[in-house]
Amino acid sequence: QVQLVESGGDSVRSGGSLRLSCAASGFGFSNYYMRWYRQAPGKEREFVAIITSRITNYADSVRGRFTISRDNAKKMVFLQMNNLRPDDTAVYYCNVLIDARDHWGQGTQVTVSS
């Protein structure tokens, strides 16, 4: 059974940093692209970042501030978030697409105050 468990969310001031973690189990982790999404109150869930075996890509709104990484041995994916802004406030979700089906974690709340 696919399981994704996010952690690391917190409340920080604008300009601060956080590191989110996602622990994965139940599938061949190293073979899959991993993604981070986020959903702000009253808004649709949006793409944040993706990592393949070696390539990363980011939403324009976070490029240069966020860094996605993975540890295949530990089956974990990370999101380092620097220079946080109030508009980064959202629930952040880890995601994997397996056989055309999306799998999501429960999310972790990030709140950035000005």
PDB file of N, CA and C in Angstrom:
ATOM      1  N   GLN A   1       0.840  -1.186   0.000  1.00  0.00           N
ATOM      2  CA  GLN A   1       0.000   0.000   0.000  1.00  0.00           C
ATOM      3  C   GLN A   1       0.886   1.250   0.000  1.00  0.00           C
ATOM      4  N   VAL A   2       0.613   2.144  -0.953  1.00  0.00           N
ATOM      5  CA  VAL A   2       1.380   3.381  -1.048  1.00  0.00           C
ATOM      6  C   VAL A   2       1.056   4.274   0.142  1.00  0.00           C
ATOM      7  N   GLN A   3       2.102   4.784   0.777  1.00  0.00           N
ATOM      8  CA  GLN A   3       1.911   5.705   1.882  1.00  0.00           C
ATOM      9  C   GLN A   3       2.918   6.835   1.785  1.00  0.00           C
ATOM     10  N   LEU A   4       2.441   8.053   1.963  1.00  0.00           N
ATOM     11  CA  LEU A   4       3.268   9.255   1.968  1.00  0.00           C
ATOM     12  C   LEU A   4       2.950  10.029   3.236  1.00  0.00           C
ATOM     13  N   VAL A   5       3.976  10.363   4.012  1.00  0.00           N
ATOM     14  CA  VAL A   5       3.778  11.062   5.273  1.00  0.00           C
ATOM     15  C   VAL A   5       4.665  12.299   5.305  1.00  0.00           C
ATOM     16  N   GLU A   6       4.023  13.462   5.266  1.00  0.00           N
ATOM     17  CA  GLU A   6       4.750  14.732   5.292  1.00  0.00           C
ATOM     18  C   GLU A   6       4.962  15.185   6.734  1.00  0.00           C
ATOM     19  N   SER A   7       6.021  15.971   6.921  1.00  0.00           N
ATOM     20  CA  SER A   7       6.296  16.588   8.213  1.00  0.00           C
ATOM     21  C   SER A   7       7.153  17.823   8.001  1.00  0.00           C
ATOM     22  N   GLY A   8       7.279  18.616   9.041  1.00  0.00           N
ATOM     23  CA  GLY A   8       8.158  19.778   8.988  1.00  0.00           C
ATOM     24  C   GLY A   8       7.458  21.113   8.877  1.00  0.00           C
ATOM     25  N   GLY A   9       6.152  21.106   8.679  1.00  0.00           N
ATOM     26  CA  GLY A   9       5.433  22.366   8.603  1.00  0.00           C
ATOM     27  C   GLY A   9       5.449  23.105   9.928  1.00  0.00           C
ATOM     28  N   ASP A  10       5.357  24.436   9.845  1.00  0.00           N
ATOM     29  CA  ASP A  10       5.419  25.263  11.058  1.00  0.00           C
ATOM     30  C   ASP A  10       4.954  26.667  10.708  1.00  0.00           C
ATOM     31  N   SER A  11       4.933  27.521  11.719  1.00  0.00           N
ATOM     32  CA  SER A  11       4.643  28.941  11.530  1.00  0.00           C
ATOM     33  C   SER A  11       5.956  29.706  11.629  1.00  0.00           C
ATOM     34  N   VAL A  12       6.238  30.532  10.619  1.00  0.00           N
ATOM     35  CA  VAL A  12       7.489  31.294  10.587  1.00  0.00           C
ATOM     36  C   VAL A  12       7.199  32.720  10.151  1.00  0.00           C
ATOM     37  N   ARG A  13       8.161  33.579  10.375  1.00  0.00           N
ATOM     38  CA  ARG A  13       8.062  34.956   9.918  1.00  0.00           C
ATOM     39  C   ARG A  13       8.560  35.057   8.481  1.00  0.00           C
ATOM     40  N   SER A  14       8.112  36.087   7.810  1.00  0.00           N
ATOM     41  CA  SER A  14       8.545  36.340   6.447  1.00  0.00           C
ATOM     42  C   SER A  14      10.076  36.414   6.388  1.00  0.00           C
ATOM     43  N   GLY A  15      10.660  35.773   5.386  1.00  0.00           N
ATOM     44  CA  GLY A  15      12.111  35.711   5.264  1.00  0.00           C
ATOM     45  C   GLY A  15      12.733  34.483   5.905  1.00  0.00           C
ATOM     46  N   GLY A  16      11.932  33.735   6.645  1.00  0.00           N
ATOM     47  CA  GLY A  16      12.424  32.553   7.327  1.00  0.00           C
ATOM     48  C   GLY A  16      12.550  31.347   6.409  1.00  0.00           C
ATOM     49  N   SER A  17      12.978  30.241   7.002  1.00  0.00           N
ATOM     50  CA  SER A  17      13.203  29.006   6.247  1.00  0.00           C
ATOM     51  C   SER A  17      12.551  27.826   6.958  1.00  0.00           C
ATOM     52  N   LEU A  18      12.169  26.845   6.159  1.00  0.00           N
ATOM     53  CA  LEU A  18      11.663  25.578   6.667  1.00  0.00           C
ATOM     54  C   LEU A  18      12.132  24.460   5.754  1.00  0.00           C
ATOM     55  N   ARG A  19      12.229  23.271   6.312  1.00  0.00           N
ATOM     56  CA  ARG A  19      12.540  22.088   5.513  1.00  0.00           C
ATOM     57  C   ARG A  19      11.434  21.060   5.732  1.00  0.00           C
ATOM     58  N   LEU A  20      10.725  20.763   4.657  1.00  0.00           N
ATOM     59  CA  LEU A  20       9.680  19.750   4.712  1.00  0.00           C
ATOM     60  C   LEU A  20      10.249  18.401   4.323  1.00  0.00           C
ATOM     61  N   SER A  21       9.702  17.362   4.921  1.00  0.00           N
ATOM     62  CA  SER A  21      10.105  15.994   4.613  1.00  0.00           C
ATOM     63  C   SER A  21       8.885  15.167   4.244  1.00  0.00           C
ATOM     64  N   CYS A  22       9.108  14.168   3.407  1.00  0.00           N
ATOM     65  CA  CYS A  22       8.049  13.235   3.035  1.00  0.00           C
ATOM     66  C   CYS A  22       8.647  11.832   3.067  1.00  0.00           C
ATOM     67  N   ALA A  23       8.107  10.991   3.927  1.00  0.00           N
ATOM     68  CA  ALA A  23       8.546   9.603   4.019  1.00  0.00           C
ATOM     69  C   ALA A  23       7.614   8.736   3.181  1.00  0.00           C
ATOM     70  N   ALA A  24       8.191   7.962   2.271  1.00  0.00           N
ATOM     71  CA  ALA A  24       7.415   7.148   1.341  1.00  0.00           C
ATOM     72  C   ALA A  24       7.580   5.669   1.641  1.00  0.00           C
ATOM     73  N   SER A  25       6.534   4.914   1.361  1.00  0.00           N
ATOM     74  CA  SER A  25       6.599   3.462   1.510  1.00  0.00           C
ATOM     75  C   SER A  25       5.558   2.819   0.618  1.00  0.00           C
ATOM     76  N   GLY A  26       5.750   1.530   0.354  1.00  0.00           N
ATOM     77  CA  GLY A  26       4.755   0.773  -0.392  1.00  0.00           C
ATOM     78  C   GLY A  26       4.932   0.763  -1.901  1.00  0.00           C
ATOM     79  N   PHE A  27       6.036   1.329  -2.405  1.00  0.00           N
ATOM     80  CA  PHE A  27       6.307   1.309  -3.842  1.00  0.00           C
ATOM     81  C   PHE A  27       7.810   1.465  -4.065  1.00  0.00           C
ATOM     82  N   GLY A  28       8.240   1.211  -5.294  1.00  0.00           N
ATOM     83  CA  GLY A  28       9.655   1.306  -5.642  1.00  0.00           C
ATOM     84  C   GLY A  28      10.112   2.743  -5.759  1.00  0.00           C
ATOM     85  N   PHE A  29      10.376   3.360  -4.647  1.00  0.00           N
ATOM     86  CA  PHE A  29      10.593   4.805  -4.556  1.00  0.00           C
ATOM     87  C   PHE A  29      11.572   5.339  -5.605  1.00  0.00           C
ATOM     88  N   SER A  30      12.695   4.722  -5.757  1.00  0.00           N
ATOM     89  CA  SER A  30      13.738   5.277  -6.624  1.00  0.00           C
ATOM     90  C   SER A  30      13.326   5.305  -8.093  1.00  0.00           C
ATOM     91  N   ASN A  31      12.301   4.576  -8.455  1.00  0.00           N
ATOM     92  CA  ASN A  31      11.875   4.497  -9.861  1.00  0.00           C
ATOM     93  C   ASN A  31      10.880   5.581 -10.258  1.00  0.00           C
ATOM     94  N   TYR A  32      10.455   6.396  -9.304  1.00  0.00           N
ATOM     95  CA  TYR A  32       9.361   7.329  -9.562  1.00  0.00           C
ATOM     96  C   TYR A  32       9.757   8.782  -9.356  1.00  0.00           C
ATOM     97  N   TYR A  33       9.149   9.635 -10.194  1.00  0.00           N
ATOM     98  CA  TYR A  33       9.239  11.059  -9.971  1.00  0.00           C
ATOM     99  C   TYR A  33       8.451  11.399  -8.705  1.00  0.00           C
ATOM    100  N   MET A  34       8.963  12.323  -7.940  1.00  0.00           N
ATOM    101  CA  MET A  34       8.265  12.781  -6.745  1.00  0.00           C
ATOM    102  C   MET A  34       7.977  14.277  -6.878  1.00  0.00           C
ATOM    103  N   ARG A  35       6.844  14.681  -6.381  1.00  0.00           N
ATOM    104  CA  ARG A  35       6.398  16.062  -6.513  1.00  0.00           C
ATOM    105  C   ARG A  35       5.952  16.631  -5.173  1.00  0.00           C
ATOM    106  N   TRP A  36       6.040  17.934  -5.063  1.00  0.00           N
ATOM    107  CA  TRP A  36       5.414  18.682  -3.985  1.00  0.00           C
ATOM    108  C   TRP A  36       4.354  19.594  -4.602  1.00  0.00           C
ATOM    109  N   TYR A  37       3.214  19.643  -3.946  1.00  0.00           N
ATOM    110  CA  TYR A  37       2.137  20.559  -4.283  1.00  0.00           C
ATOM    111  C   TYR A  37       1.778  21.346  -3.026  1.00  0.00           C
ATOM    112  N   ARG A  38       0.993  22.382  -3.221  1.00  0.00           N
ATOM    113  CA  ARG A  38       0.482  23.129  -2.073  1.00  0.00           C
ATOM    114  C   ARG A  38      -0.924  23.641  -2.365  1.00  0.00           C
ATOM    115  N   GLN A  39      -1.670  23.865  -1.294  1.00  0.00           N
ATOM    116  CA  GLN A  39      -3.023  24.396  -1.432  1.00  0.00           C
ATOM    117  C   GLN A  39      -3.253  25.451  -0.367  1.00  0.00           C
ATOM    118  N   ALA A  40      -3.449  26.673  -0.833  1.00  0.00           N
ATOM    119  CA  ALA A  40      -3.732  27.789   0.067  1.00  0.00           C
ATOM    120  C   ALA A  40      -5.231  27.865   0.317  1.00  0.00           C
ATOM    121  N   PRO A  41      -5.652  28.490   1.410  1.00  0.00           N
ATOM    122  CA  PRO A  41      -7.083  28.595   1.711  1.00  0.00           C
ATOM    123  C   PRO A  41      -7.856  29.235   0.567  1.00  0.00           C
ATOM    124  N   GLY A  42      -8.903  28.583   0.139  1.00  0.00           N
ATOM    125  CA  GLY A  42      -9.756  29.131  -0.908  1.00  0.00           C
ATOM    126  C   GLY A  42      -9.195  29.022  -2.311  1.00  0.00           C
ATOM    127  N   LYS A  43      -8.062  28.345  -2.457  1.00  0.00           N
ATOM    128  CA  LYS A  43      -7.433  28.206  -3.780  1.00  0.00           C
ATOM    129  C   LYS A  43      -7.287  26.738  -4.166  1.00  0.00           C
ATOM    130  N   GLU A  44      -7.063  26.517  -5.446  1.00  0.00           N
ATOM    131  CA  GLU A  44      -6.848  25.162  -5.923  1.00  0.00           C
ATOM    132  C   GLU A  44      -5.429  24.692  -5.566  1.00  0.00           C
ATOM    133  N   ARG A  45      -5.275  23.397  -5.493  1.00  0.00           N
ATOM    134  CA  ARG A  45      -3.954  22.822  -5.252  1.00  0.00           C
ATOM    135  C   ARG A  45      -3.055  23.140  -6.450  1.00  0.00           C
ATOM    136  N   GLU A  46      -1.821  23.545  -6.175  1.00  0.00           N
ATOM    137  CA  GLU A  46      -0.919  23.926  -7.253  1.00  0.00           C
ATOM    138  C   GLU A  46       0.418  23.216  -7.127  1.00  0.00           C
ATOM    139  N   PHE A  47       1.021  22.991  -8.287  1.00  0.00           N
ATOM    140  CA  PHE A  47       2.339  22.360  -8.379  1.00  0.00           C
ATOM    141  C   PHE A  47       3.401  23.276  -7.786  1.00  0.00           C
ATOM    142  N   VAL A  48       4.343  22.666  -7.053  1.00  0.00           N
ATOM    143  CA  VAL A  48       5.463  23.418  -6.486  1.00  0.00           C
ATOM    144  C   VAL A  48       6.792  22.968  -7.088  1.00  0.00           C
ATOM    145  N   ALA A  49       7.053  21.656  -7.052  1.00  0.00           N
ATOM    146  CA  ALA A  49       8.357  21.171  -7.500  1.00  0.00           C
ATOM    147  C   ALA A  49       8.283  19.694  -7.839  1.00  0.00           C
ATOM    148  N   ILE A  50       9.215  19.262  -8.704  1.00  0.00           N
ATOM    149  CA  ILE A  50       9.314  17.867  -9.107  1.00  0.00           C
ATOM    150  C   ILE A  50      10.775  17.453  -9.126  1.00  0.00           C
ATOM    151  N   ILE A  51      11.025  16.179  -8.822  1.00  0.00           N
ATOM    152  CA  ILE A  51      12.372  15.641  -8.919  1.00  0.00           C
ATOM    153  C   ILE A  51      12.304  14.266  -9.564  1.00  0.00           C
ATOM    154  N   THR A  52      13.156  14.066 -10.574  1.00  0.00           N
ATOM    155  CA  THR A  52      13.310  12.746 -11.177  1.00  0.00           C
ATOM    156  C   THR A  52      14.525  12.096 -10.525  1.00  0.00           C
ATOM    157  N   SER A  53      15.235  11.261 -11.253  1.00  0.00           N
ATOM    158  CA  SER A  53      16.443  10.689 -10.659  1.00  0.00           C
ATOM    159  C   SER A  53      17.538  11.747 -10.524  1.00  0.00           C
ATOM    160  N   ARG A  54      17.534  12.718 -11.450  1.00  0.00           N
ATOM    161  CA  ARG A  54      18.606  13.722 -11.418  1.00  0.00           C
ATOM    162  C   ARG A  54      18.137  15.128 -11.750  1.00  0.00           C
ATOM    163  N   ILE A  55      16.925  15.263 -12.249  1.00  0.00           N
ATOM    164  CA  ILE A  55      16.462  16.561 -12.741  1.00  0.00           C
ATOM    165  C   ILE A  55      15.407  17.124 -11.798  1.00  0.00           C
ATOM    166  N   THR A  56      15.456  18.426 -11.602  1.00  0.00           N
ATOM    167  CA  THR A  56      14.453  19.112 -10.796  1.00  0.00           C
ATOM    168  C   THR A  56      13.811  20.228 -11.613  1.00  0.00           C
ATOM    169  N   ASN A  57      12.597  20.565 -11.245  1.00  0.00           N
ATOM    170  CA  ASN A  57      11.928  21.698 -11.860  1.00  0.00           C
ATOM    171  C   ASN A  57      10.976  22.306 -10.839  1.00  0.00           C
ATOM    172  N   TYR A  58      10.676  23.596 -11.033  1.00  0.00           N
ATOM    173  CA  TYR A  58       9.949  24.333 -10.026  1.00  0.00           C
ATOM    174  C   TYR A  58       8.885  25.231 -10.648  1.00  0.00           C
ATOM    175  N   ALA A  59       7.865  25.526  -9.869  1.00  0.00           N
ATOM    176  CA  ALA A  59       6.935  26.576 -10.251  1.00  0.00           C
ATOM    177  C   ALA A  59       7.681  27.904 -10.236  1.00  0.00           C
ATOM    178  N   ASP A  60       7.284  28.798 -11.120  1.00  0.00           N
ATOM    179  CA  ASP A  60       7.951  30.110 -11.206  1.00  0.00           C
ATOM    180  C   ASP A  60       7.919  30.847  -9.869  1.00  0.00           C
ATOM    181  N   SER A  61       6.854  30.653  -9.125  1.00  0.00           N
ATOM    182  CA  SER A  61       6.676  31.405  -7.882  1.00  0.00           C
ATOM    183  C   SER A  61       7.670  31.005  -6.793  1.00  0.00           C
ATOM    184  N   VAL A  62       8.306  29.833  -6.925  1.00  0.00           N
ATOM    185  CA  VAL A  62       9.225  29.372  -5.878  1.00  0.00           C
ATOM    186  C   VAL A  62      10.649  29.185  -6.391  1.00  0.00           C
ATOM    187  N   ARG A  63      10.839  29.258  -7.709  1.00  0.00           N
ATOM    188  CA  ARG A  63      12.171  29.014  -8.272  1.00  0.00           C
ATOM    189  C   ARG A  63      13.177  30.008  -7.683  1.00  0.00           C
ATOM    190  N   GLY A  64      14.316  29.465  -7.257  1.00  0.00           N
ATOM    191  CA  GLY A  64      15.348  30.300  -6.654  1.00  0.00           C
ATOM    192  C   GLY A  64      15.236  30.413  -5.141  1.00  0.00           C
ATOM    193  N   ARG A  65      14.087  30.012  -4.587  1.00  0.00           N
ATOM    194  CA  ARG A  65      13.889  30.058  -3.140  1.00  0.00           C
ATOM    195  C   ARG A  65      13.727  28.655  -2.539  1.00  0.00           C
ATOM    196  N   PHE A  66      13.129  27.746  -3.297  1.00  0.00           N
ATOM    197  CA  PHE A  66      12.873  26.378  -2.827  1.00  0.00           C
ATOM    198  C   PHE A  66      13.802  25.408  -3.537  1.00  0.00           C
ATOM    199  N   THR A  67      14.172  24.326  -2.840  1.00  0.00           N
ATOM    200  CA  THR A  67      14.994  23.273  -3.415  1.00  0.00           C
ATOM    201  C   THR A  67      14.412  21.918  -3.042  1.00  0.00           C
ATOM    202  N   ILE A  68      14.128  21.114  -4.060  1.00  0.00           N
ATOM    203  CA  ILE A  68      13.646  19.758  -3.831  1.00  0.00           C
ATOM    204  C   ILE A  68      14.826  18.789  -3.920  1.00  0.00           C
ATOM    205  N   SER A  69      14.813  17.787  -3.056  1.00  0.00           N
ATOM    206  CA  SER A  69      15.869  16.777  -3.089  1.00  0.00           C
ATOM    207  C   SER A  69      15.278  15.446  -2.633  1.00  0.00           C
ATOM    208  N   ARG A  70      16.035  14.383  -2.821  1.00  0.00           N
ATOM    209  CA  ARG A  70      15.563  13.072  -2.426  1.00  0.00           C
ATOM    210  C   ARG A  70      16.702  12.216  -1.905  1.00  0.00           C
ATOM    211  N   ASP A  71      16.345  11.277  -1.043  1.00  0.00           N
ATOM    212  CA  ASP A  71      17.279  10.281  -0.536  1.00  0.00           C
ATOM    213  C   ASP A  71      16.661   8.919  -0.830  1.00  0.00           C
ATOM    214  N   ASN A  72      17.128   8.274  -1.870  1.00  0.00           N
ATOM    215  CA  ASN A  72      16.513   7.017  -2.284  1.00  0.00           C
ATOM    216  C   ASN A  72      16.732   5.907  -1.261  1.00  0.00           C
ATOM    217  N   ALA A  73      17.861   5.935  -0.583  1.00  0.00           N
ATOM    218  CA  ALA A  73      18.140   4.900   0.423  1.00  0.00           C
ATOM    219  C   ALA A  73      17.147   4.979   1.579  1.00  0.00           C
ATOM    220  N   LYS A  74      16.759   6.200   1.949  1.00  0.00           N
ATOM    221  CA  LYS A  74      15.814   6.388   3.049  1.00  0.00           C
ATOM    222  C   LYS A  74      14.376   6.510   2.565  1.00  0.00           C
ATOM    223  N   LYS A  75      14.178   6.516   1.235  1.00  0.00           N
ATOM    224  CA  LYS A  75      12.838   6.675   0.652  1.00  0.00           C
ATOM    225  C   LYS A  75      12.184   7.958   1.154  1.00  0.00           C
ATOM    226  N   MET A  76      12.921   9.041   1.023  1.00  0.00           N
ATOM    227  CA  MET A  76      12.404  10.330   1.473  1.00  0.00           C
ATOM    228  C   MET A  76      12.634  11.403   0.413  1.00  0.00           C
ATOM    229  N   VAL A  77      11.738  12.364   0.386  1.00  0.00           N
ATOM    230  CA  VAL A  77      11.885  13.534  -0.460  1.00  0.00           C
ATOM    231  C   VAL A  77      11.739  14.758   0.441  1.00  0.00           C
ATOM    232  N   PHE A  78      12.491  15.802   0.087  1.00  0.00           N
ATOM    233  CA  PHE A  78      12.570  16.983   0.931  1.00  0.00           C
ATOM    234  C   PHE A  78      12.245  18.232   0.115  1.00  0.00           C
ATOM    235  N   LEU A  79      11.812  19.265   0.830  1.00  0.00           N
ATOM    236  CA  LEU A  79      11.616  20.569   0.209  1.00  0.00           C
ATOM    237  C   LEU A  79      12.209  21.616   1.144  1.00  0.00           C
ATOM    238  N   GLN A  80      13.371  22.146   0.754  1.00  0.00           N
ATOM    239  CA  GLN A  80      13.992  23.232   1.503  1.00  0.00           C
ATOM    240  C   GLN A  80      13.401  24.543   1.009  1.00  0.00           C
ATOM    241  N   MET A  81      12.826  25.300   1.922  1.00  0.00           N
ATOM    242  CA  MET A  81      12.144  26.543   1.562  1.00  0.00           C
ATOM    243  C   MET A  81      12.826  27.700   2.261  1.00  0.00           C
ATOM    244  N   ASN A  82      13.395  28.596   1.464  1.00  0.00           N
ATOM    245  CA  ASN A  82      14.099  29.766   1.999  1.00  0.00           C
ATOM    246  C   ASN A  82      13.372  31.039   1.594  1.00  0.00           C
ATOM    247  N   ASN A  83      13.672  32.100   2.305  1.00  0.00           N
ATOM    248  CA  ASN A  83      13.091  33.407   2.002  1.00  0.00           C
ATOM    249  C   ASN A  83      11.568  33.306   1.860  1.00  0.00           C
ATOM    250  N   LEU A  84      10.954  32.684   2.832  1.00  0.00           N
ATOM    251  CA  LEU A  84       9.510  32.461   2.777  1.00  0.00           C
ATOM    252  C   LEU A  84       8.744  33.769   2.823  1.00  0.00           C
ATOM    253  N   ARG A  85       7.607  33.753   2.132  1.00  0.00           N
ATOM    254  CA  ARG A  85       6.748  34.937   2.027  1.00  0.00           C
ATOM    255  C   ARG A  85       5.351  34.571   2.511  1.00  0.00           C
ATOM    256  N   PRO A  86       4.552  35.561   2.886  1.00  0.00           N
ATOM    257  CA  PRO A  86       3.179  35.249   3.323  1.00  0.00           C
ATOM    258  C   PRO A  86       2.375  34.476   2.287  1.00  0.00           C
ATOM    259  N   ASP A  87       2.633  34.719   1.000  1.00  0.00           N
ATOM    260  CA  ASP A  87       1.860  33.993  -0.017  1.00  0.00           C
ATOM    261  C   ASP A  87       2.335  32.555  -0.205  1.00  0.00           C
ATOM    262  N   ASP A  88       3.321  32.120   0.558  1.00  0.00           N
ATOM    263  CA  ASP A  88       3.696  30.706   0.597  1.00  0.00           C
ATOM    264  C   ASP A  88       2.848  29.927   1.608  1.00  0.00           C
ATOM    265  N   THR A  89       2.025  30.629   2.365  1.00  0.00           N
ATOM    266  CA  THR A  89       1.164  29.972   3.351  1.00  0.00           C
ATOM    267  C   THR A  89       0.218  29.006   2.655  1.00  0.00           C
ATOM    268  N   ALA A  90       0.256  27.746   3.083  1.00  0.00           N
ATOM    269  CA  ALA A  90      -0.544  26.695   2.442  1.00  0.00           C
ATOM    270  C   ALA A  90      -0.327  25.382   3.182  1.00  0.00           C
ATOM    271  N   VAL A  91      -1.142  24.407   2.832  1.00  0.00           N
ATOM    272  CA  VAL A  91      -0.859  23.027   3.198  1.00  0.00           C
ATOM    273  C   VAL A  91      -0.034  22.431   2.064  1.00  0.00           C
ATOM    274  N   TYR A  92       1.089  21.837   2.415  1.00  0.00           N
ATOM    275  CA  TYR A  92       2.008  21.273   1.430  1.00  0.00           C
ATOM    276  C   TYR A  92       1.849  19.752   1.404  1.00  0.00           C
ATOM    277  N   TYR A  93       1.735  19.228   0.173  1.00  0.00           N
ATOM    278  CA  TYR A  93       1.487  17.807  -0.031  1.00  0.00           C
ATOM    279  C   TYR A  93       2.592  17.166  -0.868  1.00  0.00           C
ATOM    280  N   CYS A  94       2.945  15.978  -0.479  1.00  0.00           N
ATOM    281  CA  CYS A  94       3.840  15.119  -1.254  1.00  0.00           C
ATOM    282  C   CYS A  94       2.980  14.297  -2.218  1.00  0.00           C
ATOM    283  N   ASN A  95       3.501  14.036  -3.404  1.00  0.00           N
ATOM    284  CA  ASN A  95       2.711  13.340  -4.429  1.00  0.00           C
ATOM    285  C   ASN A  95       3.569  12.389  -5.252  1.00  0.00           C
ATOM    286  N   VAL A  96       2.974  11.252  -5.604  1.00  0.00           N
ATOM    287  CA  VAL A  96       3.585  10.352  -6.575  1.00  0.00           C
ATOM    288  C   VAL A  96       2.483   9.824  -7.490  1.00  0.00           C
ATOM    289  N   LEU A  97       2.809   9.722  -8.776  1.00  0.00           N
ATOM    290  CA  LEU A  97       1.880   9.198  -9.775  1.00  0.00           C
ATOM    291  C   LEU A  97       2.317   7.785 -10.127  1.00  0.00           C
ATOM    292  N   ILE A  98       1.467   6.821  -9.841  1.00  0.00           N
ATOM    293  CA  ILE A  98       1.778   5.417 -10.110  1.00  0.00           C
ATOM    294  C   ILE A  98       0.637   4.818 -10.914  1.00  0.00           C
ATOM    295  N   ASP A  99       0.967   4.303 -12.111  1.00  0.00           N
ATOM    296  CA  ASP A  99      -0.047   3.685 -12.979  1.00  0.00           C
ATOM    297  C   ASP A  99      -1.242   4.621 -13.171  1.00  0.00           C
ATOM    298  N   ALA A 100      -0.954   5.858 -13.486  1.00  0.00           N
ATOM    299  CA  ALA A 100      -1.949   6.885 -13.792  1.00  0.00           C
ATOM    300  C   ALA A 100      -2.821   7.255 -12.597  1.00  0.00           C
ATOM    301  N   ARG A 101      -2.419   6.875 -11.420  1.00  0.00           N
ATOM    302  CA  ARG A 101      -3.166   7.226 -10.219  1.00  0.00           C
ATOM    303  C   ARG A 101      -2.300   8.079  -9.296  1.00  0.00           C
ATOM    304  N   ASP A 102      -2.861   9.211  -8.872  1.00  0.00           N
ATOM    305  CA  ASP A 102      -2.168  10.091  -7.939  1.00  0.00           C
ATOM    306  C   ASP A 102      -2.311   9.572  -6.511  1.00  0.00           C
ATOM    307  N   HIS A 103      -1.197   9.625  -5.798  1.00  0.00           N
ATOM    308  CA  HIS A 103      -1.197   9.295  -4.374  1.00  0.00           C
ATOM    309  C   HIS A 103      -0.729  10.520  -3.605  1.00  0.00           C
ATOM    310  N   TRP A 104      -1.398  10.812  -2.494  1.00  0.00           N
ATOM    311  CA  TRP A 104      -1.127  12.010  -1.717  1.00  0.00           C
ATOM    312  C   TRP A 104      -0.908  11.658  -0.250  1.00  0.00           C
ATOM    313  N   GLY A 105      -0.100  12.476   0.397  1.00  0.00           N
ATOM    314  CA  GLY A 105      -0.006  12.405   1.836  1.00  0.00           C
ATOM    315  C   GLY A 105      -1.110  13.232   2.473  1.00  0.00           C
ATOM    316  N   GLN A 106      -1.048  13.341   3.803  1.00  0.00           N
ATOM    317  CA  GLN A 106      -2.091  14.074   4.531  1.00  0.00           C
ATOM    318  C   GLN A 106      -1.815  15.586   4.542  1.00  0.00           C
ATOM    319  N   GLY A 107      -0.613  15.968   4.164  1.00  0.00           N
ATOM    320  CA  GLY A 107      -0.254  17.380   4.112  1.00  0.00           C
ATOM    321  C   GLY A 107       0.362  17.879   5.407  1.00  0.00           C
ATOM    322  N   THR A 108       1.109  18.969   5.278  1.00  0.00           N
ATOM    323  CA  THR A 108       1.703  19.629   6.436  1.00  0.00           C
ATOM    324  C   THR A 108       1.526  21.140   6.264  1.00  0.00           C
ATOM    325  N   GLN A 109       1.096  21.807   7.317  1.00  0.00           N
ATOM    326  CA  GLN A 109       0.736  23.220   7.243  1.00  0.00           C
ATOM    327  C   GLN A 109       1.963  24.110   7.383  1.00  0.00           C
ATOM    328  N   VAL A 110       2.093  25.038   6.445  1.00  0.00           N
ATOM    329  CA  VAL A 110       3.114  26.082   6.512  1.00  0.00           C
ATOM    330  C   VAL A 110       2.402  27.424   6.586  1.00  0.00           C
ATOM    331  N   THR A 111       2.725  28.191   7.603  1.00  0.00           N
ATOM    332  CA  THR A 111       2.130  29.512   7.773  1.00  0.00           C
ATOM    333  C   THR A 111       3.247  30.538   7.879  1.00  0.00           C
ATOM    334  N   VAL A 112       3.201  31.543   7.015  1.00  0.00           N
ATOM    335  CA  VAL A 112       4.213  32.592   6.990  1.00  0.00           C
ATOM    336  C   VAL A 112       3.548  33.927   7.308  1.00  0.00           C
ATOM    337  N   SER A 113       4.010  34.565   8.357  1.00  0.00           N
ATOM    338  CA  SER A 113       3.444  35.846   8.764  1.00  0.00           C
ATOM    339  C   SER A 113       4.395  36.980   8.392  1.00  0.00           C
ATOM    340  N   SER A 114       3.823  38.125   8.145  1.00  0.00           N
ATOM    341  CA  SER A 114       4.636  39.285   7.742  1.00  0.00           C
ATOM    342  C   SER A 114       5.149  40.047   8.940  1.00  0.00           C
TER     343      SER A 114
END
